[in-house]
Amino acid sequence: MIAKEIRISRKKDFDRILKSKSKFYSNNFILRFSKNELSKSRFCVVVSKKISKRAVDRNRIRRRTYEALRLNYDKIKPGFDFMIFAKLSVLKLSYSDIEKDLLYIFKKAKAMQ
């Protein structure tokens, strides 16, 4: 699981990210981000009930996404807040496919070191 200090949990942070115009798409995720005043990047993963009515499925997607972020944290540029929205197609993916897609979307956003 990803460390608590690099998770986004405050409403004002969510609102700031949602107001930003920075948005990138992949087949399975939508990435929104904004700059923060910290020396580290922070993350939030959103999996809505539209993806699956079952909490088990939504939590599995969330855990796999956070694990991929944790293992690749050193490759991501510091100083940003990232909000990752899962799409319906992510339900069928294995962990390695989720990791590949996340790395792709971060490269596309030029958020990799």
PDB file of N, CA and C in Angstrom:
ATOM      1  N   MET A   1       0.838  -1.179   0.000  1.00  0.00           N
ATOM      2  CA  MET A   1       0.000   0.000   0.000  1.00  0.00           C
ATOM      3  C   MET A   1       0.881   1.239   0.000  1.00  0.00           C
ATOM      4  N   ILE A   2       0.391   2.255  -0.617  1.00  0.00           N
ATOM      5  CA  ILE A   2       1.147   3.504  -0.743  1.00  0.00           C
ATOM      6  C   ILE A   2       1.137   4.247   0.610  1.00  0.00           C
ATOM      7  N   ALA A   3       2.212   4.941   0.906  1.00  0.00           N
ATOM      8  CA  ALA A   3       2.350   5.635   2.189  1.00  0.00           C
ATOM      9  C   ALA A   3       1.295   6.727   2.334  1.00  0.00           C
ATOM     10  N   LYS A   4       0.856   6.946   3.538  1.00  0.00           N
ATOM     11  CA  LYS A   4      -0.218   7.892   3.808  1.00  0.00           C
ATOM     12  C   LYS A   4       0.176   9.333   3.458  1.00  0.00           C
ATOM     13  N   GLU A   5       1.441   9.670   3.629  1.00  0.00           N
ATOM     14  CA  GLU A   5       1.862  11.053   3.356  1.00  0.00           C
ATOM     15  C   GLU A   5       1.901  11.389   1.867  1.00  0.00           C
ATOM     16  N   ILE A   6       1.815  10.396   1.003  1.00  0.00           N
ATOM     17  CA  ILE A   6       1.768  10.696  -0.432  1.00  0.00           C
ATOM     18  C   ILE A   6       0.398  10.397  -1.034  1.00  0.00           C
ATOM     19  N   ARG A   7      -0.619  10.338  -0.183  1.00  0.00           N
ATOM     20  CA  ARG A   7      -2.005  10.223  -0.635  1.00  0.00           C
ATOM     21  C   ARG A   7      -2.691  11.570  -0.481  1.00  0.00           C
ATOM     22  N   ILE A   8      -3.603  11.864  -1.359  1.00  0.00           N
ATOM     23  CA  ILE A   8      -4.377  13.096  -1.268  1.00  0.00           C
ATOM     24  C   ILE A   8      -5.678  12.766  -0.551  1.00  0.00           C
ATOM     25  N   SER A   9      -6.010  13.564   0.463  1.00  0.00           N
ATOM     26  CA  SER A   9      -7.230  13.273   1.216  1.00  0.00           C
ATOM     27  C   SER A   9      -8.055  14.509   1.548  1.00  0.00           C
ATOM     28  N   ARG A  10      -7.567  15.696   1.265  1.00  0.00           N
ATOM     29  CA  ARG A  10      -8.305  16.910   1.604  1.00  0.00           C
ATOM     30  C   ARG A  10      -9.129  17.408   0.420  1.00  0.00           C
ATOM     31  N   LYS A  11     -10.311  17.892   0.718  1.00  0.00           N
ATOM     32  CA  LYS A  11     -11.222  18.372  -0.312  1.00  0.00           C
ATOM     33  C   LYS A  11     -10.620  19.525  -1.104  1.00  0.00           C
ATOM     34  N   LYS A  12      -9.909  20.428  -0.437  1.00  0.00           N
ATOM     35  CA  LYS A  12      -9.323  21.573  -1.150  1.00  0.00           C
ATOM     36  C   LYS A  12      -8.287  21.118  -2.182  1.00  0.00           C
ATOM     37  N   ASP A  13      -7.578  20.015  -1.901  1.00  0.00           N
ATOM     38  CA  ASP A  13      -6.624  19.477  -2.870  1.00  0.00           C
ATOM     39  C   ASP A  13      -7.344  18.858  -4.069  1.00  0.00           C
ATOM     40  N   PHE A  14      -8.437  18.140  -3.792  1.00  0.00           N
ATOM     41  CA  PHE A  14      -9.235  17.567  -4.877  1.00  0.00           C
ATOM     42  C   PHE A  14      -9.775  18.672  -5.783  1.00  0.00           C
ATOM     43  N   ASP A  15     -10.314  19.716  -5.172  1.00  0.00           N
ATOM     44  CA  ASP A  15     -10.890  20.816  -5.942  1.00  0.00           C
ATOM     45  C   ASP A  15      -9.838  21.519  -6.797  1.00  0.00           C
ATOM     46  N   ARG A  16      -8.639  21.700  -6.248  1.00  0.00           N
ATOM     47  CA  ARG A  16      -7.556  22.347  -6.992  1.00  0.00           C
ATOM     48  C   ARG A  16      -7.169  21.523  -8.219  1.00  0.00           C
ATOM     49  N   ILE A  17      -7.107  20.217  -8.059  1.00  0.00           N
ATOM     50  CA  ILE A  17      -6.750  19.342  -9.183  1.00  0.00           C
ATOM     51  C   ILE A  17      -7.848  19.356 -10.238  1.00  0.00           C
ATOM     52  N   LEU A  18      -9.093  19.308  -9.797  1.00  0.00           N
ATOM     53  CA  LEU A  18     -10.204  19.283 -10.747  1.00  0.00           C
ATOM     54  C   LEU A  18     -10.350  20.596 -11.507  1.00  0.00           C
ATOM     55  N   LYS A  19      -9.899  21.703 -10.926  1.00  0.00           N
ATOM     56  CA  LYS A  19      -9.948  22.994 -11.617  1.00  0.00           C
ATOM     57  C   LYS A  19      -8.837  23.141 -12.655  1.00  0.00           C
ATOM     58  N   SER A  20      -7.778  22.375 -12.510  1.00  0.00           N
ATOM     59  CA  SER A  20      -6.660  22.494 -13.447  1.00  0.00           C
ATOM     60  C   SER A  20      -7.060  21.950 -14.812  1.00  0.00           C
ATOM     61  N   LYS A  21      -6.417  22.442 -15.833  1.00  0.00           N
ATOM     62  CA  LYS A  21      -6.727  22.050 -17.202  1.00  0.00           C
ATOM     63  C   LYS A  21      -5.906  20.849 -17.672  1.00  0.00           C
ATOM     64  N   SER A  22      -4.973  20.410 -16.871  1.00  0.00           N
ATOM     65  CA  SER A  22      -4.083  19.313 -17.264  1.00  0.00           C
ATOM     66  C   SER A  22      -4.809  17.980 -17.169  1.00  0.00           C
ATOM     67  N   LYS A  23      -5.071  17.384 -18.337  1.00  0.00           N
ATOM     68  CA  LYS A  23      -5.820  16.132 -18.382  1.00  0.00           C
ATOM     69  C   LYS A  23      -5.258  15.268 -19.517  1.00  0.00           C
ATOM     70  N   PHE A  24      -4.978  14.009 -19.201  1.00  0.00           N
ATOM     71  CA  PHE A  24      -4.456  13.073 -20.200  1.00  0.00           C
ATOM     72  C   PHE A  24      -5.252  11.777 -20.143  1.00  0.00           C
ATOM     73  N   TYR A  25      -5.385  11.144 -21.301  1.00  0.00           N
ATOM     74  CA  TYR A  25      -6.203   9.940 -21.422  1.00  0.00           C
ATOM     75  C   TYR A  25      -5.375   8.757 -21.909  1.00  0.00           C
ATOM     76  N   SER A  26      -5.732   7.582 -21.431  1.00  0.00           N
ATOM     77  CA  SER A  26      -5.232   6.335 -22.001  1.00  0.00           C
ATOM     78  C   SER A  26      -6.448   5.435 -22.180  1.00  0.00           C
ATOM     79  N   ASN A  27      -6.224   4.204 -22.579  1.00  0.00           N
ATOM     80  CA  ASN A  27      -7.349   3.288 -22.787  1.00  0.00           C
ATOM     81  C   ASN A  27      -8.081   2.959 -21.488  1.00  0.00           C
ATOM     82  N   ASN A  28      -7.376   3.001 -20.367  1.00  0.00           N
ATOM     83  CA  ASN A  28      -7.951   2.540 -19.110  1.00  0.00           C
ATOM     84  C   ASN A  28      -8.002   3.577 -17.989  1.00  0.00           C
ATOM     85  N   PHE A  29      -7.326   4.713 -18.172  1.00  0.00           N
ATOM     86  CA  PHE A  29      -7.259   5.714 -17.111  1.00  0.00           C
ATOM     87  C   PHE A  29      -7.365   7.128 -17.664  1.00  0.00           C
ATOM     88  N   ILE A  30      -7.777   8.033 -16.784  1.00  0.00           N
ATOM     89  CA  ILE A  30      -7.722   9.469 -17.044  1.00  0.00           C
ATOM     90  C   ILE A  30      -6.831  10.051 -15.949  1.00  0.00           C
ATOM     91  N   LEU A  31      -5.863  10.858 -16.338  1.00  0.00           N
ATOM     92  CA  LEU A  31      -4.924  11.454 -15.383  1.00  0.00           C
ATOM     93  C   LEU A  31      -5.130  12.959 -15.355  1.00  0.00           C
ATOM     94  N   ARG A  32      -5.395  13.486 -14.172  1.00  0.00           N
ATOM     95  CA  ARG A  32      -5.474  14.932 -13.970  1.00  0.00           C
ATOM     96  C   ARG A  32      -4.424  15.287 -12.923  1.00  0.00           C
ATOM     97  N   PHE A  33      -3.795  16.438 -13.089  1.00  0.00           N
ATOM     98  CA  PHE A  33      -2.782  16.822 -12.108  1.00  0.00           C
ATOM     99  C   PHE A  33      -2.628  18.328 -12.027  1.00  0.00           C
ATOM    100  N   SER A  34      -2.025  18.759 -10.929  1.00  0.00           N
ATOM    101  CA  SER A  34      -1.679  20.154 -10.733  1.00  0.00           C
ATOM    102  C   SER A  34      -0.420  20.217  -9.870  1.00  0.00           C
ATOM    103  N   LYS A  35       0.223  21.344  -9.919  1.00  0.00           N
ATOM    104  CA  LYS A  35       1.451  21.537  -9.157  1.00  0.00           C
ATOM    105  C   LYS A  35       1.110  21.737  -7.680  1.00  0.00           C
ATOM    106  N   ASN A  36       1.966  21.217  -6.808  1.00  0.00           N
ATOM    107  CA  ASN A  36       1.810  21.482  -5.372  1.00  0.00           C
ATOM    108  C   ASN A  36       3.079  22.164  -4.864  1.00  0.00           C
ATOM    109  N   GLU A  37       3.062  22.610  -3.643  1.00  0.00           N
ATOM    110  CA  GLU A  37       4.215  23.324  -3.066  1.00  0.00           C
ATOM    111  C   GLU A  37       5.112  22.400  -2.270  1.00  0.00           C
ATOM    112  N   LEU A  38       4.948  21.105  -2.428  1.00  0.00           N
ATOM    113  CA  LEU A  38       5.712  20.125  -1.662  1.00  0.00           C
ATOM    114  C   LEU A  38       6.885  19.601  -2.484  1.00  0.00           C
ATOM    115  N   SER A  39       7.786  18.899  -1.820  1.00  0.00           N
ATOM    116  CA  SER A  39       8.943  18.321  -2.504  1.00  0.00           C
ATOM    117  C   SER A  39       8.667  16.898  -2.978  1.00  0.00           C
ATOM    118  N   LYS A  40       7.424  16.439  -2.827  1.00  0.00           N
ATOM    119  CA  LYS A  40       7.067  15.089  -3.258  1.00  0.00           C
ATOM    120  C   LYS A  40       5.747  15.134  -4.014  1.00  0.00           C
ATOM    121  N   SER A  41       5.498  14.107  -4.781  1.00  0.00           N
ATOM    122  CA  SER A  41       4.232  13.988  -5.488  1.00  0.00           C
ATOM    123  C   SER A  41       3.248  13.207  -4.637  1.00  0.00           C
ATOM    124  N   ARG A  42       1.958  13.527  -4.825  1.00  0.00           N
ATOM    125  CA  ARG A  42       0.909  12.832  -4.092  1.00  0.00           C
ATOM    126  C   ARG A  42      -0.118  12.298  -5.087  1.00  0.00           C
ATOM    127  N   PHE A  43      -0.857  11.261  -4.656  1.00  0.00           N
ATOM    128  CA  PHE A  43      -1.764  10.557  -5.559  1.00  0.00           C
ATOM    129  C   PHE A  43      -3.120  10.323  -4.936  1.00  0.00           C
ATOM    130  N   CYS A  44      -4.090  10.128  -5.819  1.00  0.00           N
ATOM    131  CA  CYS A  44      -5.435   9.732  -5.437  1.00  0.00           C
ATOM    132  C   CYS A  44      -5.978   8.905  -6.596  1.00  0.00           C
ATOM    133  N   VAL A  45      -6.615   7.778  -6.285  1.00  0.00           N
ATOM    134  CA  VAL A  45      -7.205   6.916  -7.311  1.00  0.00           C
ATOM    135  C   VAL A  45      -8.709   6.897  -7.101  1.00  0.00           C
ATOM    136  N   VAL A  46      -9.454   7.192  -8.166  1.00  0.00           N
ATOM    137  CA  VAL A  46     -10.906   7.245  -8.102  1.00  0.00           C
ATOM    138  C   VAL A  46     -11.470   6.119  -8.961  1.00  0.00           C
ATOM    139  N   VAL A  47     -12.264   5.247  -8.324  1.00  0.00           N
ATOM    140  CA  VAL A  47     -12.948   4.161  -9.037  1.00  0.00           C
ATOM    141  C   VAL A  47     -14.421   4.283  -8.685  1.00  0.00           C
ATOM    142  N   SER A  48     -15.225   4.709  -9.637  1.00  0.00           N
ATOM    143  CA  SER A  48     -16.635   4.983  -9.342  1.00  0.00           C
ATOM    144  C   SER A  48     -17.481   3.718  -9.376  1.00  0.00           C
ATOM    145  N   LYS A  49     -18.693   3.846  -8.910  1.00  0.00           N
ATOM    146  CA  LYS A  49     -19.624   2.723  -8.921  1.00  0.00           C
ATOM    147  C   LYS A  49     -20.066   2.371 -10.337  1.00  0.00           C
ATOM    148  N   LYS A  50     -19.850   3.265 -11.290  1.00  0.00           N
ATOM    149  CA  LYS A  50     -20.153   2.953 -12.685  1.00  0.00           C
ATOM    150  C   LYS A  50     -19.232   1.850 -13.201  1.00  0.00           C
ATOM    151  N   ILE A  51     -18.045   1.751 -12.637  1.00  0.00           N
ATOM    152  CA  ILE A  51     -17.092   0.718 -13.043  1.00  0.00           C
ATOM    153  C   ILE A  51     -17.606  -0.646 -12.598  1.00  0.00           C
ATOM    154  N   SER A  52     -17.999  -0.745 -11.346  1.00  0.00           N
ATOM    155  CA  SER A  52     -18.549  -1.986 -10.817  1.00  0.00           C
ATOM    156  C   SER A  52     -19.376  -1.661  -9.580  1.00  0.00           C
ATOM    157  N   LYS A  53     -20.481  -2.312  -9.457  1.00  0.00           N
ATOM    158  CA  LYS A  53     -21.327  -2.117  -8.269  1.00  0.00           C
ATOM    159  C   LYS A  53     -20.706  -2.784  -7.042  1.00  0.00           C
ATOM    160  N   ARG A  54     -19.843  -3.773  -7.283  1.00  0.00           N
ATOM    161  CA  ARG A  54     -19.240  -4.533  -6.188  1.00  0.00           C
ATOM    162  C   ARG A  54     -18.014  -3.814  -5.629  1.00  0.00           C
ATOM    163  N   ALA A  55     -18.014  -3.577  -4.336  1.00  0.00           N
ATOM    164  CA  ALA A  55     -16.892  -2.909  -3.684  1.00  0.00           C
ATOM    165  C   ALA A  55     -15.615  -3.731  -3.804  1.00  0.00           C
ATOM    166  N   VAL A  56     -15.744  -5.052  -3.868  1.00  0.00           N
ATOM    167  CA  VAL A  56     -14.577  -5.930  -3.993  1.00  0.00           C
ATOM    168  C   VAL A  56     -13.805  -5.608  -5.271  1.00  0.00           C
ATOM    169  N   ASP A  57     -14.527  -5.424  -6.370  1.00  0.00           N
ATOM    170  CA  ASP A  57     -13.886  -5.110  -7.646  1.00  0.00           C
ATOM    171  C   ASP A  57     -13.259  -3.719  -7.632  1.00  0.00           C
ATOM    172  N   ARG A  58     -13.988  -2.753  -7.094  1.00  0.00           N
ATOM    173  CA  ARG A  58     -13.454  -1.387  -7.042  1.00  0.00           C
ATOM    174  C   ARG A  58     -12.207  -1.321  -6.176  1.00  0.00           C
ATOM    175  N   ASN A  59     -12.203  -2.010  -5.037  1.00  0.00           N
ATOM    176  CA  ASN A  59     -11.042  -2.009  -4.147  1.00  0.00           C
ATOM    177  C   ASN A  59      -9.856  -2.734  -4.771  1.00  0.00           C
ATOM    178  N   ARG A  60     -10.108  -3.797  -5.523  1.00  0.00           N
ATOM    179  CA  ARG A  60      -9.024  -4.512  -6.200  1.00  0.00           C
ATOM    180  C   ARG A  60      -8.326  -3.589  -7.210  1.00  0.00           C
ATOM    181  N   ILE A  61      -9.112  -2.863  -7.982  1.00  0.00           N
ATOM    182  CA  ILE A  61      -8.546  -1.920  -8.949  1.00  0.00           C
ATOM    183  C   ILE A  61      -7.725  -0.865  -8.221  1.00  0.00           C
ATOM    184  N   ARG A  62      -8.277  -0.325  -7.149  1.00  0.00           N
ATOM    185  CA  ARG A  62      -7.595   0.717  -6.374  1.00  0.00           C
ATOM    186  C   ARG A  62      -6.277   0.198  -5.793  1.00  0.00           C
ATOM    187  N   ARG A  63      -6.302  -0.995  -5.209  1.00  0.00           N
ATOM    188  CA  ARG A  63      -5.081  -1.567  -4.618  1.00  0.00           C
ATOM    189  C   ARG A  63      -4.016  -1.811  -5.671  1.00  0.00           C
ATOM    190  N   ARG A  64      -4.400  -2.374  -6.804  1.00  0.00           N
ATOM    191  CA  ARG A  64      -3.425  -2.639  -7.870  1.00  0.00           C
ATOM    192  C   ARG A  64      -2.834  -1.344  -8.421  1.00  0.00           C
ATOM    193  N   THR A  65      -3.661  -0.327  -8.552  1.00  0.00           N
ATOM    194  CA  THR A  65      -3.174   0.957  -9.060  1.00  0.00           C
ATOM    195  C   THR A  65      -2.210   1.596  -8.065  1.00  0.00           C
ATOM    196  N   TYR A  66      -2.567   1.603  -6.793  1.00  0.00           N
ATOM    197  CA  TYR A  66      -1.667   2.157  -5.775  1.00  0.00           C
ATOM    198  C   TYR A  66      -0.354   1.372  -5.706  1.00  0.00           C
ATOM    199  N   GLU A  67      -0.411   0.075  -5.873  1.00  0.00           N
ATOM    200  CA  GLU A  67       0.819  -0.731  -5.832  1.00  0.00           C
ATOM    201  C   GLU A  67       1.725  -0.393  -7.014  1.00  0.00           C
ATOM    202  N   ALA A  68       1.144  -0.221  -8.192  1.00  0.00           N
ATOM    203  CA  ALA A  68       1.941   0.164  -9.362  1.00  0.00           C
ATOM    204  C   ALA A  68       2.564   1.542  -9.148  1.00  0.00           C
ATOM    205  N   LEU A  69       1.828   2.449  -8.538  1.00  0.00           N
ATOM    206  CA  LEU A  69       2.371   3.774  -8.242  1.00  0.00           C
ATOM    207  C   LEU A  69       3.493   3.686  -7.207  1.00  0.00           C
ATOM    208  N   ARG A  70       3.309   2.861  -6.199  1.00  0.00           N
ATOM    209  CA  ARG A  70       4.333   2.710  -5.147  1.00  0.00           C
ATOM    210  C   ARG A  70       5.644   2.179  -5.715  1.00  0.00           C
ATOM    211  N   LEU A  71       5.549   1.179  -6.579  1.00  0.00           N
ATOM    212  CA  LEU A  71       6.761   0.574  -7.130  1.00  0.00           C
ATOM    213  C   LEU A  71       7.468   1.482  -8.135  1.00  0.00           C
ATOM    214  N   ASN A  72       6.752   2.408  -8.742  1.00  0.00           N
ATOM    215  CA  ASN A  72       7.337   3.299  -9.740  1.00  0.00           C
ATOM    216  C   ASN A  72       7.414   4.746  -9.257  1.00  0.00           C
ATOM    217  N   TYR A  73       7.286   4.957  -7.963  1.00  0.00           N
ATOM    218  CA  TYR A  73       7.255   6.300  -7.399  1.00  0.00           C
ATOM    219  C   TYR A  73       8.532   7.089  -7.703  1.00  0.00           C
ATOM    220  N   ASP A  74       9.665   6.440  -7.685  1.00  0.00           N
ATOM    221  CA  ASP A  74      10.934   7.135  -7.923  1.00  0.00           C
ATOM    222  C   ASP A  74      11.075   7.622  -9.358  1.00  0.00           C
ATOM    223  N   LYS A  75      10.272   7.112 -10.285  1.00  0.00           N
ATOM    224  CA  LYS A  75      10.326   7.533 -11.689  1.00  0.00           C
ATOM    225  C   LYS A  75       9.448   8.747 -11.975  1.00  0.00           C
ATOM    226  N   ILE A  76       8.578   9.106 -11.038  1.00  0.00           N
ATOM    227  CA  ILE A  76       7.615  10.188 -11.243  1.00  0.00           C
ATOM    228  C   ILE A  76       8.179  11.487 -10.686  1.00  0.00           C
ATOM    229  N   LYS A  77       8.003  12.577 -11.441  1.00  0.00           N
ATOM    230  CA  LYS A  77       8.525  13.876 -11.033  1.00  0.00           C
ATOM    231  C   LYS A  77       7.912  14.328  -9.720  1.00  0.00           C
ATOM    232  N   PRO A  78       8.707  14.905  -8.830  1.00  0.00           N
ATOM    233  CA  PRO A  78       8.166  15.420  -7.563  1.00  0.00           C
ATOM    234  C   PRO A  78       7.492  16.780  -7.761  1.00  0.00           C
ATOM    235  N   GLY A  79       6.632  17.131  -6.807  1.00  0.00           N
ATOM    236  CA  GLY A  79       6.020  18.452  -6.826  1.00  0.00           C
ATOM    237  C   GLY A  79       4.674  18.532  -7.517  1.00  0.00           C
ATOM    238  N   PHE A  80       4.007  17.403  -7.703  1.00  0.00           N
ATOM    239  CA  PHE A  80       2.706  17.389  -8.363  1.00  0.00           C
ATOM    240  C   PHE A  80       1.701  16.581  -7.549  1.00  0.00           C
ATOM    241  N   ASP A  81       0.437  16.929  -7.712  1.00  0.00           N
ATOM    242  CA  ASP A  81      -0.664  16.135  -7.169  1.00  0.00           C
ATOM    243  C   ASP A  81      -1.369  15.487  -8.349  1.00  0.00           C
ATOM    244  N   PHE A  82      -1.512  14.165  -8.312  1.00  0.00           N
ATOM    245  CA  PHE A  82      -2.114  13.415  -9.405  1.00  0.00           C
ATOM    246  C   PHE A  82      -3.426  12.789  -8.962  1.00  0.00           C
ATOM    247  N   MET A  83      -4.423  12.877  -9.818  1.00  0.00           N
ATOM    248  CA  MET A  83      -5.712  12.236  -9.586  1.00  0.00           C
ATOM    249  C   MET A  83      -5.938  11.283 -10.754  1.00  0.00           C
ATOM    250  N   ILE A  84      -6.112  10.002 -10.461  1.00  0.00           N
ATOM    251  CA  ILE A  84      -6.232   8.982 -11.491  1.00  0.00           C
ATOM    252  C   ILE A  84      -7.641   8.411 -11.443  1.00  0.00           C
ATOM    253  N   PHE A  85      -8.356   8.526 -12.561  1.00  0.00           N
ATOM    254  CA  PHE A  85      -9.707   7.998 -12.677  1.00  0.00           C
ATOM    255  C   PHE A  85      -9.657   6.721 -13.500  1.00  0.00           C
ATOM    256  N   ALA A  86     -10.245   5.661 -12.985  1.00  0.00           N
ATOM    257  CA  ALA A  86     -10.288   4.387 -13.707  1.00  0.00           C
ATOM    258  C   ALA A  86     -11.461   4.374 -14.675  1.00  0.00           C
ATOM    259  N   LYS A  87     -11.261   3.741 -15.828  1.00  0.00           N
ATOM    260  CA  LYS A  87     -12.335   3.543 -16.797  1.00  0.00           C
ATOM    261  C   LYS A  87     -12.857   2.111 -16.682  1.00  0.00           C
ATOM    262  N   LEU A  88     -13.959   1.845 -17.328  1.00  0.00           N
ATOM    263  CA  LEU A  88     -14.612   0.545 -17.245  1.00  0.00           C
ATOM    264  C   LEU A  88     -13.719  -0.598 -17.719  1.00  0.00           C
ATOM    265  N   SER A  89     -12.895  -0.349 -18.709  1.00  0.00           N
ATOM    266  CA  SER A  89     -12.049  -1.401 -19.287  1.00  0.00           C
ATOM    267  C   SER A  89     -10.988  -1.920 -18.318  1.00  0.00           C
ATOM    268  N   VAL A  90     -10.720  -1.210 -17.231  1.00  0.00           N
ATOM    269  CA  VAL A  90      -9.677  -1.618 -16.290  1.00  0.00           C
ATOM    270  C   VAL A  90     -10.068  -2.885 -15.514  1.00  0.00           C
ATOM    271  N   LEU A  91     -11.340  -3.203 -15.475  1.00  0.00           N
ATOM    272  CA  LEU A  91     -11.805  -4.401 -14.766  1.00  0.00           C
ATOM    273  C   LEU A  91     -11.180  -5.685 -15.289  1.00  0.00           C
ATOM    274  N   LYS A  92     -10.926  -5.743 -16.596  1.00  0.00           N
ATOM    275  CA  LYS A  92     -10.432  -6.967 -17.224  1.00  0.00           C
ATOM    276  C   LYS A  92      -8.909  -7.078 -17.211  1.00  0.00           C
ATOM    277  N   LEU A  93      -8.233  -6.071 -16.697  1.00  0.00           N
ATOM    278  CA  LEU A  93      -6.775  -6.033 -16.788  1.00  0.00           C
ATOM    279  C   LEU A  93      -6.093  -6.767 -15.637  1.00  0.00           C
ATOM    280  N   SER A  94      -4.935  -7.319 -15.953  1.00  0.00           N
ATOM    281  CA  SER A  94      -4.089  -7.894 -14.915  1.00  0.00           C
ATOM    282  C   SER A  94      -3.239  -6.769 -14.310  1.00  0.00           C
ATOM    283  N   TYR A  95      -2.520  -7.088 -13.251  1.00  0.00           N
ATOM    284  CA  TYR A  95      -1.679  -6.082 -12.605  1.00  0.00           C
ATOM    285  C   TYR A  95      -0.632  -5.532 -13.571  1.00  0.00           C
ATOM    286  N   SER A  96       0.012  -6.389 -14.336  1.00  0.00           N
ATOM    287  CA  SER A  96       1.076  -5.928 -15.240  1.00  0.00           C
ATOM    288  C   SER A  96       0.523  -4.993 -16.322  1.00  0.00           C
ATOM    289  N   ASP A  97      -0.707  -5.238 -16.781  1.00  0.00           N
ATOM    290  CA  ASP A  97      -1.319  -4.352 -17.767  1.00  0.00           C
ATOM    291  C   ASP A  97      -1.662  -2.997 -17.154  1.00  0.00           C
ATOM    292  N   ILE A  98      -2.116  -3.003 -15.913  1.00  0.00           N
ATOM    293  CA  ILE A  98      -2.394  -1.750 -15.214  1.00  0.00           C
ATOM    294  C   ILE A  98      -1.118  -0.932 -15.065  1.00  0.00           C
ATOM    295  N   GLU A  99      -0.039  -1.597 -14.679  1.00  0.00           N
ATOM    296  CA  GLU A  99       1.246  -0.914 -14.508  1.00  0.00           C
ATOM    297  C   GLU A  99       1.737  -0.324 -15.828  1.00  0.00           C
ATOM    298  N   LYS A 100       1.648  -1.089 -16.910  1.00  0.00           N
ATOM    299  CA  LYS A 100       2.071  -0.591 -18.227  1.00  0.00           C
ATOM    300  C   LYS A 100       1.259   0.625 -18.644  1.00  0.00           C
ATOM    301  N   ASP A 101      -0.051   0.568 -18.432  1.00  0.00           N
ATOM    302  CA  ASP A 101      -0.911   1.672 -18.830  1.00  0.00           C
ATOM    303  C   ASP A 101      -0.646   2.918 -17.990  1.00  0.00           C
ATOM    304  N   LEU A 102      -0.390   2.741 -16.701  1.00  0.00           N
ATOM    305  CA  LEU A 102      -0.060   3.890 -15.849  1.00  0.00           C
ATOM    306  C   LEU A 102       1.256   4.534 -16.278  1.00  0.00           C
ATOM    307  N   LEU A 103       2.268   3.721 -16.557  1.00  0.00           N
ATOM    308  CA  LEU A 103       3.542   4.274 -17.011  1.00  0.00           C
ATOM    309  C   LEU A 103       3.375   5.005 -18.343  1.00  0.00           C
ATOM    310  N   TYR A 104       2.536   4.452 -19.217  1.00  0.00           N
ATOM    311  CA  TYR A 104       2.272   5.097 -20.503  1.00  0.00           C
ATOM    312  C   TYR A 104       1.642   6.478 -20.308  1.00  0.00           C
ATOM    313  N   ILE A 105       0.627   6.559 -19.442  1.00  0.00           N
ATOM    314  CA  ILE A 105      -0.065   7.838 -19.272  1.00  0.00           C
ATOM    315  C   ILE A 105       0.824   8.870 -18.574  1.00  0.00           C
ATOM    316  N   PHE A 106       1.695   8.432 -17.668  1.00  0.00           N
ATOM    317  CA  PHE A 106       2.627   9.368 -17.036  1.00  0.00           C
ATOM    318  C   PHE A 106       3.679   9.852 -18.029  1.00  0.00           C
ATOM    319  N   LYS A 107       4.130   8.996 -18.925  1.00  0.00           N
ATOM    320  CA  LYS A 107       5.066   9.426 -19.973  1.00  0.00           C
ATOM    321  C   LYS A 107       4.400  10.402 -20.912  1.00  0.00           C
ATOM    322  N   LYS A 108       3.152  10.130 -21.253  1.00  0.00           N
ATOM    323  CA  LYS A 108       2.392  10.996 -22.142  1.00  0.00           C
ATOM    324  C   LYS A 108       2.230  12.379 -21.524  1.00  0.00           C
ATOM    325  N   ALA A 109       2.048  12.436 -20.208  1.00  0.00           N
ATOM    326  CA  ALA A 109       1.892  13.703 -19.501  1.00  0.00           C
ATOM    327  C   ALA A 109       3.235  14.374 -19.193  1.00  0.00           C
ATOM    328  N   LYS A 110       4.338  13.723 -19.574  1.00  0.00           N
ATOM    329  CA  LYS A 110       5.693  14.214 -19.292  1.00  0.00           C
ATOM    330  C   LYS A 110       5.911  14.417 -17.783  1.00  0.00           C
ATOM    331  N   ALA A 111       5.387  13.453 -17.011  1.00  0.00           N
ATOM    332  CA  ALA A 111       5.509  13.510 -15.559  1.00  0.00           C
ATOM    333  C   ALA A 111       6.532  12.478 -15.058  1.00  0.00           C
ATOM    334  N   MET A 112       7.320  11.930 -15.965  1.00  0.00           N
ATOM    335  CA  MET A 112       8.350  10.957 -15.591  1.00  0.00           C
ATOM    336  C   MET A 112       9.703  11.665 -15.568  1.00  0.00           C
ATOM    337  N   GLN A 113      10.586  11.196 -14.691  1.00  0.00           N
ATOM    338  CA  GLN A 113      11.938  11.770 -14.615  1.00  0.00           C
ATOM    339  C   GLN A 113      12.831  11.167 -15.668  1.00  0.00           C
TER     340      GLN A 113
END
